Amino acid sequence: MRGEAAVWMRGSKDSLGAMLKRAVASGEILRICRGLYGLDRRYLRESLHPYVLAQPMYGPSYISMESALSYHGWIPEAVHAVTSATVRRSATFNTPFGPFSFTRVAQRTFFAGVERVEVGPGAVFLLASPLKALADYVHVHALATESPPDLIASLRVDVHALAAQSPAAYTEVAAAGYGSAVRQFMSKLAQLQHP
């Protein structure tokens, strides 16, 4: 652990399991999901960004859809669940840090348009670009037949942020290997922004 004193524990699997169980019961350690635990907030110097938990909770995955659109400032609504795309089966976890939703998004190049974001020492998460998050949203909700302007209006996407995207950003998202309907939707959207 960078910059922190490590605490070492020795013992049999059973004795370590018993210590962990007592620490969870006392509230010193939080059970986030099966096999993933964290210190209670009162023992942390800085609050933990919930996005940092997504990848170790259910990977491979990256923050996408509503969470990524909100993080990038593209939609005005607050998002209460952490939404991620995954290559695995879709899953939902209710944790002490709130609900986490992982949705399977089939693509040839899963991490195209995904960046690594560092929010503190050793605190990192994977985040979809805003266009990738939008493409994932369209794919997951089967909205590729919608009119791009109507969908953008219904999501209340910041049109100035959308217009600021380069043609190369659209090309990168198309290269991820979505189905033809999503690619056509993104192509129409690109043509509207860059006629």
N, C-alpha and C. Protein backbone atom coordinates (compact mmCIF):
# COMPACT_ATOMS: atom_id res chain seq x y z
N MET A 1 0.86 -1.18 0.00
CA MET A 1 0.00 0.00 0.00
C MET A 1 0.89 1.24 0.00
N ARG A 2 0.68 2.14 -0.94
CA ARG A 2 1.50 3.35 -1.04
C ARG A 2 1.17 4.34 0.06
N GLY A 3 2.19 4.77 0.80
CA GLY A 3 2.00 5.81 1.80
C GLY A 3 1.25 5.38 3.04
N GLU A 4 0.93 4.13 3.18
CA GLU A 4 0.18 3.64 4.33
C GLU A 4 0.97 2.53 5.00
N ALA A 5 0.82 2.38 6.30
CA ALA A 5 1.44 1.27 7.01
C ALA A 5 0.59 0.02 6.78
N ALA A 6 1.25 -1.05 6.40
CA ALA A 6 0.54 -2.30 6.17
C ALA A 6 0.34 -3.02 7.49
N VAL A 7 -0.76 -3.71 7.63
CA VAL A 7 -1.04 -4.52 8.81
C VAL A 7 -1.02 -5.97 8.35
N TRP A 8 -0.14 -6.76 8.96
CA TRP A 8 -0.01 -8.15 8.58
C TRP A 8 -0.71 -9.02 9.60
N MET A 9 -1.40 -10.01 9.12
CA MET A 9 -2.07 -10.96 10.01
C MET A 9 -1.66 -12.36 9.60
N ARG A 10 -1.42 -13.17 10.60
CA ARG A 10 -1.09 -14.57 10.34
C ARG A 10 -2.10 -15.45 11.04
N GLY A 11 -2.27 -16.61 10.50
CA GLY A 11 -3.16 -17.56 11.13
C GLY A 11 -3.70 -18.52 10.09
N SER A 12 -4.44 -19.48 10.55
CA SER A 12 -5.06 -20.44 9.64
C SER A 12 -6.20 -19.75 8.91
N LYS A 13 -6.64 -20.38 7.86
CA LYS A 13 -7.77 -19.85 7.10
C LYS A 13 -8.99 -19.67 8.00
N ASP A 14 -9.22 -20.63 8.88
CA ASP A 14 -10.36 -20.56 9.79
C ASP A 14 -10.23 -19.41 10.78
N SER A 15 -9.02 -19.22 11.36
CA SER A 15 -8.85 -18.15 12.34
C SER A 15 -8.94 -16.78 11.68
N LEU A 16 -8.40 -16.66 10.46
CA LEU A 16 -8.51 -15.38 9.74
C LEU A 16 -9.96 -15.10 9.37
N GLY A 17 -10.67 -16.15 8.98
CA GLY A 17 -12.09 -16.00 8.67
C GLY A 17 -12.89 -15.56 9.88
N ALA A 18 -12.54 -16.10 11.05
CA ALA A 18 -13.22 -15.72 12.29
C ALA A 18 -12.94 -14.26 12.65
N MET A 19 -11.67 -13.83 12.46
CA MET A 19 -11.32 -12.42 12.74
C MET A 19 -12.08 -11.48 11.80
N LEU A 20 -12.15 -11.86 10.53
CA LEU A 20 -12.87 -11.04 9.55
C LEU A 20 -14.35 -10.96 9.91
N LYS A 21 -14.91 -12.09 10.31
CA LYS A 21 -16.33 -12.12 10.68
C LYS A 21 -16.60 -11.20 11.88
N ARG A 22 -15.71 -11.22 12.90
CA ARG A 22 -15.87 -10.34 14.06
C ARG A 22 -15.74 -8.87 13.66
N ALA A 23 -14.78 -8.56 12.78
CA ALA A 23 -14.58 -7.18 12.34
C ALA A 23 -15.79 -6.67 11.56
N VAL A 24 -16.40 -7.53 10.75
CA VAL A 24 -17.61 -7.15 10.02
C VAL A 24 -18.76 -6.94 11.00
N ALA A 25 -18.90 -7.84 11.97
CA ALA A 25 -19.98 -7.73 12.96
C ALA A 25 -19.84 -6.46 13.79
N SER A 26 -18.60 -6.04 14.09
CA SER A 26 -18.39 -4.83 14.90
C SER A 26 -18.50 -3.55 14.07
N GLY A 27 -18.55 -3.69 12.74
CA GLY A 27 -18.67 -2.51 11.87
C GLY A 27 -17.34 -1.88 11.51
N GLU A 28 -16.23 -2.50 11.90
CA GLU A 28 -14.92 -1.95 11.55
C GLU A 28 -14.59 -2.19 10.08
N ILE A 29 -15.07 -3.31 9.57
CA ILE A 29 -14.87 -3.66 8.17
C ILE A 29 -16.24 -3.85 7.54
N LEU A 30 -16.39 -3.35 6.32
CA LEU A 30 -17.64 -3.47 5.58
C LEU A 30 -17.51 -4.59 4.55
N ARG A 31 -18.53 -5.42 4.48
CA ARG A 31 -18.58 -6.42 3.41
C ARG A 31 -19.25 -5.75 2.22
N ILE A 32 -18.48 -5.58 1.17
CA ILE A 32 -19.00 -4.89 -0.02
C ILE A 32 -19.77 -5.89 -0.88
N CYS A 33 -19.14 -7.01 -1.16
CA CYS A 33 -19.78 -8.13 -1.84
C CYS A 33 -18.93 -9.35 -1.54
N ARG A 34 -19.31 -10.49 -2.01
CA ARG A 34 -18.57 -11.71 -1.69
C ARG A 34 -17.10 -11.56 -2.09
N GLY A 35 -16.21 -11.73 -1.10
CA GLY A 35 -14.78 -11.68 -1.35
C GLY A 35 -14.17 -10.29 -1.41
N LEU A 36 -14.99 -9.23 -1.24
CA LEU A 36 -14.47 -7.86 -1.30
C LEU A 36 -14.91 -7.11 -0.04
N TYR A 37 -13.94 -6.63 0.71
CA TYR A 37 -14.19 -5.96 1.98
C TYR A 37 -13.42 -4.64 2.00
N GLY A 38 -13.87 -3.71 2.83
CA GLY A 38 -13.17 -2.45 3.00
C GLY A 38 -13.35 -1.91 4.40
N LEU A 39 -12.43 -1.03 4.79
CA LEU A 39 -12.54 -0.41 6.11
C LEU A 39 -13.76 0.50 6.16
N ASP A 40 -14.37 0.59 7.32
CA ASP A 40 -15.47 1.52 7.52
C ASP A 40 -14.97 2.96 7.28
N ARG A 41 -15.85 3.82 6.84
CA ARG A 41 -15.48 5.21 6.50
C ARG A 41 -14.74 5.94 7.63
N ARG A 42 -15.09 5.64 8.88
CA ARG A 42 -14.47 6.36 10.00
C ARG A 42 -12.98 6.04 10.15
N TYR A 43 -12.50 4.98 9.50
CA TYR A 43 -11.08 4.63 9.56
C TYR A 43 -10.29 5.09 8.32
N LEU A 44 -10.95 5.76 7.42
CA LEU A 44 -10.30 6.24 6.19
C LEU A 44 -9.96 7.71 6.31
N ARG A 45 -8.80 8.08 5.83
CA ARG A 45 -8.41 9.50 5.83
C ARG A 45 -9.23 10.29 4.82
N GLU A 46 -9.48 9.69 3.68
CA GLU A 46 -10.28 10.32 2.63
C GLU A 46 -11.41 9.37 2.27
N SER A 47 -12.54 9.93 1.87
CA SER A 47 -13.65 9.06 1.49
C SER A 47 -13.30 8.34 0.18
N LEU A 48 -13.76 7.14 0.09
CA LEU A 48 -13.49 6.30 -1.08
C LEU A 48 -14.50 6.62 -2.17
N HIS A 49 -13.99 6.89 -3.37
CA HIS A 49 -14.89 7.13 -4.51
C HIS A 49 -15.51 5.78 -4.89
N PRO A 50 -16.82 5.69 -4.97
CA PRO A 50 -17.45 4.38 -5.23
C PRO A 50 -17.06 3.77 -6.57
N TYR A 51 -16.69 4.60 -7.56
CA TYR A 51 -16.31 4.06 -8.86
C TYR A 51 -15.08 3.16 -8.76
N VAL A 52 -14.23 3.40 -7.76
CA VAL A 52 -13.01 2.61 -7.58
C VAL A 52 -13.35 1.15 -7.25
N LEU A 53 -14.52 0.91 -6.68
CA LEU A 53 -14.92 -0.44 -6.29
C LEU A 53 -15.43 -1.28 -7.45
N ALA A 54 -15.86 -0.65 -8.53
CA ALA A 54 -16.56 -1.37 -9.59
C ALA A 54 -15.71 -2.47 -10.24
N GLN A 55 -14.50 -2.16 -10.66
CA GLN A 55 -13.66 -3.14 -11.35
C GLN A 55 -13.32 -4.34 -10.47
N PRO A 56 -12.85 -4.13 -9.21
CA PRO A 56 -12.59 -5.32 -8.38
C PRO A 56 -13.86 -6.07 -7.97
N MET A 57 -14.99 -5.38 -7.97
CA MET A 57 -16.24 -6.02 -7.60
C MET A 57 -16.70 -7.00 -8.68
N TYR A 58 -16.58 -6.59 -9.96
CA TYR A 58 -17.11 -7.42 -11.04
C TYR A 58 -16.40 -7.02 -12.33
N GLY A 59 -15.28 -7.63 -12.58
CA GLY A 59 -14.51 -7.27 -13.77
C GLY A 59 -14.38 -8.45 -14.71
N PRO A 60 -13.95 -8.21 -15.91
CA PRO A 60 -13.60 -6.90 -16.45
C PRO A 60 -14.85 -6.04 -16.69
N SER A 61 -14.70 -4.78 -16.33
CA SER A 61 -15.80 -3.83 -16.49
C SER A 61 -15.24 -2.42 -16.53
N TYR A 62 -16.08 -1.48 -16.90
CA TYR A 62 -15.72 -0.05 -16.85
C TYR A 62 -16.98 0.75 -16.57
N ILE A 63 -16.84 1.90 -15.92
CA ILE A 63 -17.96 2.78 -15.62
C ILE A 63 -18.50 3.32 -16.94
N SER A 64 -19.81 3.22 -17.13
CA SER A 64 -20.40 3.63 -18.41
C SER A 64 -21.84 4.08 -18.21
N MET A 65 -22.52 4.26 -19.32
CA MET A 65 -23.92 4.65 -19.39
C MET A 65 -24.20 5.86 -18.51
N GLU A 66 -25.26 5.82 -17.66
CA GLU A 66 -25.66 7.00 -16.91
C GLU A 66 -24.56 7.54 -16.00
N SER A 67 -23.81 6.64 -15.36
CA SER A 67 -22.75 7.10 -14.44
C SER A 67 -21.66 7.86 -15.19
N ALA A 68 -21.22 7.34 -16.32
CA ALA A 68 -20.17 8.03 -17.09
C ALA A 68 -20.70 9.32 -17.69
N LEU A 69 -21.93 9.31 -18.20
CA LEU A 69 -22.51 10.53 -18.77
C LEU A 69 -22.62 11.61 -17.71
N SER A 70 -23.00 11.24 -16.50
CA SER A 70 -23.09 12.20 -15.40
C SER A 70 -21.69 12.68 -14.98
N TYR A 71 -20.73 11.76 -14.88
CA TYR A 71 -19.37 12.11 -14.49
C TYR A 71 -18.77 13.13 -15.46
N HIS A 72 -19.03 12.94 -16.75
CA HIS A 72 -18.52 13.86 -17.78
C HIS A 72 -19.32 15.15 -17.87
N GLY A 73 -20.43 15.23 -17.13
CA GLY A 73 -21.26 16.44 -17.16
C GLY A 73 -22.18 16.52 -18.36
N TRP A 74 -22.44 15.39 -19.00
CA TRP A 74 -23.29 15.39 -20.20
C TRP A 74 -24.77 15.36 -19.88
N ILE A 75 -25.14 14.83 -18.71
CA ILE A 75 -26.56 14.81 -18.33
C ILE A 75 -26.69 15.49 -16.98
N PRO A 76 -27.80 16.19 -16.74
CA PRO A 76 -27.94 16.95 -15.50
C PRO A 76 -28.39 16.13 -14.30
N GLU A 77 -28.98 14.97 -14.53
CA GLU A 77 -29.55 14.20 -13.43
C GLU A 77 -28.47 13.57 -12.56
N ALA A 78 -28.75 13.49 -11.26
CA ALA A 78 -27.90 12.74 -10.34
C ALA A 78 -28.17 11.26 -10.59
N VAL A 79 -27.12 10.46 -10.56
CA VAL A 79 -27.26 9.02 -10.78
C VAL A 79 -27.01 8.32 -9.46
N HIS A 80 -27.97 7.52 -9.02
CA HIS A 80 -27.89 6.91 -7.69
C HIS A 80 -27.25 5.53 -7.70
N ALA A 81 -27.26 4.85 -8.83
CA ALA A 81 -26.57 3.55 -8.95
C ALA A 81 -25.32 3.75 -9.79
N VAL A 82 -24.27 3.01 -9.48
CA VAL A 82 -23.06 3.03 -10.30
C VAL A 82 -23.30 2.05 -11.44
N THR A 83 -23.31 2.57 -12.68
CA THR A 83 -23.60 1.74 -13.84
C THR A 83 -22.32 1.45 -14.60
N SER A 84 -22.12 0.17 -14.92
CA SER A 84 -20.92 -0.27 -15.63
C SER A 84 -21.29 -1.21 -16.76
N ALA A 85 -20.40 -1.26 -17.75
CA ALA A 85 -20.48 -2.26 -18.82
C ALA A 85 -19.52 -3.39 -18.45
N THR A 86 -19.90 -4.61 -18.80
CA THR A 86 -19.05 -5.77 -18.52
C THR A 86 -19.13 -6.75 -19.67
N VAL A 87 -18.14 -7.65 -19.74
CA VAL A 87 -18.19 -8.73 -20.73
C VAL A 87 -18.87 -9.96 -20.14
N ARG A 88 -19.09 -9.94 -18.83
CA ARG A 88 -19.72 -11.06 -18.14
C ARG A 88 -21.25 -10.92 -18.16
N ARG A 89 -21.92 -11.86 -17.51
CA ARG A 89 -23.38 -11.76 -17.40
C ARG A 89 -23.74 -10.52 -16.61
N SER A 90 -24.89 -9.94 -16.90
CA SER A 90 -25.36 -8.77 -16.16
C SER A 90 -25.58 -9.14 -14.69
N ALA A 91 -25.28 -8.20 -13.79
CA ALA A 91 -25.43 -8.46 -12.36
C ALA A 91 -25.66 -7.14 -11.63
N THR A 92 -26.30 -7.22 -10.46
CA THR A 92 -26.53 -6.05 -9.61
C THR A 92 -26.11 -6.40 -8.19
N PHE A 93 -25.46 -5.44 -7.52
CA PHE A 93 -25.02 -5.63 -6.14
C PHE A 93 -25.51 -4.45 -5.31
N ASN A 94 -26.11 -4.73 -4.17
CA ASN A 94 -26.47 -3.68 -3.21
C ASN A 94 -25.39 -3.70 -2.14
N THR A 95 -24.69 -2.58 -1.98
CA THR A 95 -23.53 -2.52 -1.10
C THR A 95 -23.69 -1.37 -0.11
N PRO A 96 -22.81 -1.29 0.89
CA PRO A 96 -22.83 -0.14 1.80
C PRO A 96 -22.53 1.18 1.09
N PHE A 97 -21.98 1.09 -0.13
CA PHE A 97 -21.68 2.29 -0.92
C PHE A 97 -22.76 2.57 -1.96
N GLY A 98 -23.88 1.86 -1.87
CA GLY A 98 -24.98 2.06 -2.80
C GLY A 98 -25.06 0.92 -3.81
N PRO A 99 -26.06 0.98 -4.71
CA PRO A 99 -26.22 -0.08 -5.69
C PRO A 99 -25.22 0.04 -6.85
N PHE A 100 -24.76 -1.11 -7.32
CA PHE A 100 -23.88 -1.21 -8.48
C PHE A 100 -24.56 -2.10 -9.51
N SER A 101 -24.63 -1.62 -10.73
CA SER A 101 -25.28 -2.37 -11.80
C SER A 101 -24.27 -2.61 -12.92
N PHE A 102 -24.11 -3.87 -13.32
CA PHE A 102 -23.20 -4.26 -14.38
C PHE A 102 -24.02 -4.87 -15.50
N THR A 103 -23.91 -4.32 -16.70
CA THR A 103 -24.70 -4.79 -17.82
C THR A 103 -23.78 -5.30 -18.93
N ARG A 104 -24.09 -6.48 -19.43
CA ARG A 104 -23.27 -7.07 -20.49
C ARG A 104 -23.42 -6.24 -21.76
N VAL A 105 -22.28 -5.84 -22.31
CA VAL A 105 -22.26 -5.09 -23.57
C VAL A 105 -21.30 -5.82 -24.50
N ALA A 106 -21.85 -6.49 -25.51
CA ALA A 106 -21.02 -7.26 -26.45
C ALA A 106 -20.33 -6.31 -27.44
N GLN A 107 -19.01 -6.40 -27.50
CA GLN A 107 -18.20 -5.60 -28.42
C GLN A 107 -16.98 -6.41 -28.82
N ARG A 108 -16.42 -6.11 -29.98
CA ARG A 108 -15.17 -6.79 -30.37
C ARG A 108 -13.99 -6.23 -29.58
N THR A 109 -13.94 -4.91 -29.41
CA THR A 109 -12.84 -4.26 -28.69
C THR A 109 -13.42 -3.59 -27.46
N PHE A 110 -13.50 -4.33 -26.38
CA PHE A 110 -14.24 -3.91 -25.19
C PHE A 110 -13.71 -2.60 -24.60
N PHE A 111 -12.41 -2.41 -24.54
CA PHE A 111 -11.85 -1.24 -23.87
C PHE A 111 -11.54 -0.07 -24.81
N ALA A 112 -12.00 -0.12 -26.06
CA ALA A 112 -11.83 1.03 -26.95
C ALA A 112 -12.68 2.18 -26.41
N GLY A 113 -12.09 3.37 -26.29
CA GLY A 113 -12.83 4.52 -25.78
C GLY A 113 -12.96 4.54 -24.27
N VAL A 114 -12.10 3.77 -23.58
CA VAL A 114 -12.12 3.72 -22.11
C VAL A 114 -10.80 4.28 -21.60
N GLU A 115 -10.88 5.14 -20.58
CA GLU A 115 -9.67 5.73 -20.01
C GLU A 115 -9.53 5.34 -18.54
N ARG A 116 -8.30 5.42 -18.07
CA ARG A 116 -7.98 5.15 -16.67
C ARG A 116 -8.00 6.48 -15.93
N VAL A 117 -8.78 6.57 -14.86
CA VAL A 117 -8.91 7.80 -14.09
C VAL A 117 -8.37 7.57 -12.68
N GLU A 118 -7.43 8.41 -12.26
CA GLU A 118 -6.87 8.30 -10.92
C GLU A 118 -7.47 9.40 -10.06
N VAL A 119 -8.10 9.02 -8.94
CA VAL A 119 -8.75 10.00 -8.06
C VAL A 119 -8.04 10.10 -6.70
N GLY A 120 -6.89 9.47 -6.59
CA GLY A 120 -6.11 9.51 -5.37
C GLY A 120 -5.01 8.49 -5.46
N PRO A 121 -4.10 8.48 -4.50
CA PRO A 121 -3.01 7.49 -4.52
C PRO A 121 -3.56 6.06 -4.51
N GLY A 122 -3.32 5.34 -5.59
CA GLY A 122 -3.80 3.97 -5.69
C GLY A 122 -5.29 3.83 -5.92
N ALA A 123 -6.01 4.93 -6.06
CA ALA A 123 -7.46 4.90 -6.28
C ALA A 123 -7.73 5.19 -7.76
N VAL A 124 -8.03 4.14 -8.49
CA VAL A 124 -8.15 4.22 -9.95
C VAL A 124 -9.43 3.53 -10.39
N PHE A 125 -10.06 4.07 -11.44
CA PHE A 125 -11.18 3.36 -12.07
C PHE A 125 -11.12 3.54 -13.57
N LEU A 126 -11.81 2.66 -14.28
CA LEU A 126 -11.88 2.71 -15.74
C LEU A 126 -13.20 3.37 -16.12
N LEU A 127 -13.12 4.35 -17.05
CA LEU A 127 -14.27 5.18 -17.39
C LEU A 127 -14.44 5.27 -18.90
N ALA A 128 -15.66 5.06 -19.36
CA ALA A 128 -15.97 5.23 -20.78
C ALA A 128 -15.92 6.70 -21.14
N SER A 129 -15.46 6.99 -22.36
CA SER A 129 -15.57 8.35 -22.88
C SER A 129 -17.05 8.67 -22.97
N PRO A 130 -17.42 9.95 -23.05
CA PRO A 130 -18.86 10.25 -23.11
C PRO A 130 -19.57 9.62 -24.31
N LEU A 131 -18.92 9.61 -25.47
CA LEU A 131 -19.55 8.99 -26.64
C LEU A 131 -19.68 7.47 -26.48
N LYS A 132 -18.67 6.85 -25.90
CA LYS A 132 -18.73 5.40 -25.64
C LYS A 132 -19.86 5.11 -24.65
N ALA A 133 -19.99 5.92 -23.61
CA ALA A 133 -21.07 5.74 -22.63
C ALA A 133 -22.43 5.87 -23.30
N LEU A 134 -22.53 6.83 -24.23
CA LEU A 134 -23.78 7.02 -24.97
C LEU A 134 -24.07 5.81 -25.87
N ALA A 135 -23.04 5.32 -26.57
CA ALA A 135 -23.21 4.14 -27.42
C ALA A 135 -23.62 2.92 -26.58
N ASP A 136 -23.00 2.75 -25.42
CA ASP A 136 -23.39 1.65 -24.52
C ASP A 136 -24.85 1.79 -24.10
N TYR A 137 -25.26 3.01 -23.76
CA TYR A 137 -26.64 3.27 -23.35
C TYR A 137 -27.61 2.90 -24.48
N VAL A 138 -27.30 3.33 -25.69
CA VAL A 138 -28.15 3.05 -26.86
C VAL A 138 -28.22 1.53 -27.07
N HIS A 139 -27.09 0.86 -26.97
CA HIS A 139 -27.04 -0.60 -27.16
C HIS A 139 -27.86 -1.33 -26.10
N VAL A 140 -27.62 -1.01 -24.84
CA VAL A 140 -28.26 -1.72 -23.72
C VAL A 140 -29.78 -1.53 -23.73
N HIS A 141 -30.23 -0.33 -24.04
CA HIS A 141 -31.66 -0.03 -24.01
C HIS A 141 -32.34 -0.21 -25.37
N ALA A 142 -31.62 -0.78 -26.34
CA ALA A 142 -32.15 -1.05 -27.68
C ALA A 142 -32.80 0.18 -28.30
N LEU A 143 -32.06 1.29 -28.30
CA LEU A 143 -32.58 2.57 -28.78
C LEU A 143 -31.99 3.00 -30.12
N ALA A 144 -31.33 2.08 -30.81
CA ALA A 144 -30.65 2.43 -32.05
C ALA A 144 -31.61 2.89 -33.15
N THR A 145 -32.88 2.51 -33.05
CA THR A 145 -33.84 2.94 -34.07
C THR A 145 -34.42 4.32 -33.78
N GLU A 146 -34.11 4.87 -32.60
CA GLU A 146 -34.59 6.20 -32.24
C GLU A 146 -33.91 7.26 -33.10
N SER A 147 -34.57 8.37 -33.25
CA SER A 147 -33.96 9.52 -33.93
C SER A 147 -32.89 10.09 -32.99
N PRO A 148 -31.64 10.27 -33.46
CA PRO A 148 -30.61 10.81 -32.56
C PRO A 148 -31.01 12.12 -31.87
N PRO A 149 -31.61 13.11 -32.58
CA PRO A 149 -31.99 14.34 -31.86
C PRO A 149 -33.04 14.10 -30.78
N ASP A 150 -33.99 13.19 -31.04
CA ASP A 150 -35.02 12.90 -30.04
C ASP A 150 -34.43 12.23 -28.80
N LEU A 151 -33.51 11.29 -29.01
CA LEU A 151 -32.89 10.61 -27.88
C LEU A 151 -32.02 11.58 -27.08
N ILE A 152 -31.27 12.43 -27.76
CA ILE A 152 -30.42 13.41 -27.09
C ILE A 152 -31.30 14.35 -26.25
N ALA A 153 -32.45 14.75 -26.80
CA ALA A 153 -33.36 15.64 -26.07
C ALA A 153 -33.97 14.92 -24.86
N SER A 154 -34.36 13.64 -25.03
CA SER A 154 -34.99 12.91 -23.92
C SER A 154 -34.00 12.65 -22.79
N LEU A 155 -32.72 12.44 -23.12
CA LEU A 155 -31.70 12.25 -22.09
C LEU A 155 -31.21 13.58 -21.51
N ARG A 156 -31.58 14.68 -22.17
CA ARG A 156 -31.13 16.02 -21.80
C ARG A 156 -29.61 16.13 -21.83
N VAL A 157 -29.03 15.52 -22.90
CA VAL A 157 -27.58 15.59 -23.09
C VAL A 157 -27.19 17.02 -23.42
N ASP A 158 -26.10 17.48 -22.85
CA ASP A 158 -25.57 18.81 -23.12
C ASP A 158 -25.14 18.88 -24.58
N VAL A 159 -25.90 19.60 -25.40
CA VAL A 159 -25.64 19.64 -26.84
C VAL A 159 -24.32 20.33 -27.17
N HIS A 160 -23.87 21.24 -26.32
CA HIS A 160 -22.58 21.91 -26.56
C HIS A 160 -21.43 20.92 -26.36
N ALA A 161 -21.54 20.06 -25.35
CA ALA A 161 -20.52 19.04 -25.12
C ALA A 161 -20.51 18.04 -26.27
N LEU A 162 -21.69 17.70 -26.76
CA LEU A 162 -21.80 16.77 -27.88
C LEU A 162 -21.17 17.36 -29.13
N ALA A 163 -21.43 18.63 -29.40
CA ALA A 163 -20.89 19.30 -30.58
C ALA A 163 -19.38 19.44 -30.52
N ALA A 164 -18.82 19.44 -29.32
CA ALA A 164 -17.37 19.60 -29.15
C ALA A 164 -16.59 18.32 -29.45
N GLN A 165 -17.29 17.20 -29.63
CA GLN A 165 -16.61 15.93 -29.92
C GLN A 165 -16.07 15.92 -31.35
N SER A 166 -14.86 15.46 -31.50
CA SER A 166 -14.22 15.43 -32.82
C SER A 166 -14.73 14.24 -33.64
N PRO A 167 -14.61 14.31 -34.96
CA PRO A 167 -14.97 13.14 -35.78
C PRO A 167 -14.18 11.90 -35.37
N ALA A 168 -12.92 12.08 -34.92
CA ALA A 168 -12.09 10.94 -34.50
C ALA A 168 -12.70 10.23 -33.29
N ALA A 169 -13.37 10.98 -32.41
CA ALA A 169 -14.00 10.38 -31.23
C ALA A 169 -15.13 9.44 -31.66
N TYR A 170 -15.90 9.84 -32.68
CA TYR A 170 -16.96 8.97 -33.20
C TYR A 170 -16.36 7.72 -33.85
N THR A 171 -15.25 7.90 -34.57
CA THR A 171 -14.59 6.77 -35.23
C THR A 171 -14.08 5.77 -34.19
N GLU A 172 -13.54 6.27 -33.08
CA GLU A 172 -13.04 5.39 -32.03
C GLU A 172 -14.16 4.55 -31.45
N VAL A 173 -15.32 5.15 -31.23
CA VAL A 173 -16.46 4.41 -30.68
C VAL A 173 -16.96 3.38 -31.69
N ALA A 174 -17.02 3.75 -32.95
CA ALA A 174 -17.47 2.81 -33.98
C ALA A 174 -16.53 1.61 -34.07
N ALA A 175 -15.23 1.83 -33.78
CA ALA A 175 -14.24 0.77 -33.86
C ALA A 175 -14.38 -0.25 -32.74
N ALA A 176 -15.18 0.06 -31.72
CA ALA A 176 -15.35 -0.88 -30.61
C ALA A 176 -16.06 -2.15 -31.05
N GLY A 177 -16.77 -2.10 -32.17
CA GLY A 177 -17.38 -3.31 -32.71
C GLY A 177 -18.78 -3.59 -32.21
N TYR A 178 -19.60 -2.55 -32.07
CA TYR A 178 -21.01 -2.76 -31.75
C TYR A 178 -21.70 -3.35 -32.98
N GLY A 179 -22.95 -3.74 -32.81
CA GLY A 179 -23.73 -4.20 -33.94
C GLY A 179 -24.00 -3.07 -34.92
N SER A 180 -24.48 -3.41 -36.09
CA SER A 180 -24.66 -2.42 -37.16
C SER A 180 -25.66 -1.34 -36.78
N ALA A 181 -26.69 -1.66 -35.99
CA ALA A 181 -27.71 -0.66 -35.64
C ALA A 181 -27.09 0.45 -34.79
N VAL A 182 -26.25 0.11 -33.82
CA VAL A 182 -25.61 1.12 -32.97
C VAL A 182 -24.61 1.93 -33.80
N ARG A 183 -23.86 1.24 -34.67
CA ARG A 183 -22.90 1.96 -35.53
C ARG A 183 -23.62 2.97 -36.41
N GLN A 184 -24.78 2.58 -36.97
CA GLN A 184 -25.54 3.51 -37.81
C GLN A 184 -26.07 4.68 -37.00
N PHE A 185 -26.53 4.41 -35.79
CA PHE A 185 -27.02 5.48 -34.92
C PHE A 185 -25.90 6.49 -34.66
N MET A 186 -24.72 6.00 -34.29
CA MET A 186 -23.58 6.88 -34.00
C MET A 186 -23.12 7.62 -35.25
N SER A 187 -23.23 6.98 -36.41
CA SER A 187 -22.86 7.63 -37.67
C SER A 187 -23.82 8.79 -37.97
N LYS A 188 -25.12 8.57 -37.75
CA LYS A 188 -26.10 9.65 -37.95
C LYS A 188 -25.84 10.80 -36.99
N LEU A 189 -25.51 10.45 -35.75
CA LEU A 189 -25.22 11.47 -34.75
C LEU A 189 -23.98 12.27 -35.14
N ALA A 190 -22.96 11.58 -35.65
CA ALA A 190 -21.74 12.26 -36.10
C ALA A 190 -22.02 13.20 -37.25
N GLN A 191 -22.87 12.77 -38.19
CA GLN A 191 -23.22 13.61 -39.34
C GLN A 191 -23.96 14.85 -38.93
N LEU A 192 -24.80 14.73 -37.89
CA LEU A 192 -25.52 15.91 -37.38
C LEU A 192 -24.55 16.92 -36.75
N GLN A 193 -23.50 16.42 -36.10
CA GLN A 193 -22.55 17.30 -35.42
C GLN A 193 -21.51 17.85 -36.39
N HIS A 194 -21.16 17.04 -37.41
CA HIS A 194 -20.12 17.44 -38.37
C HIS A 194 -20.63 17.20 -39.79
N PRO A 195 -21.57 18.05 -40.26
CA PRO A 195 -22.16 17.84 -41.58
C PRO A 195 -21.13 18.02 -42.70
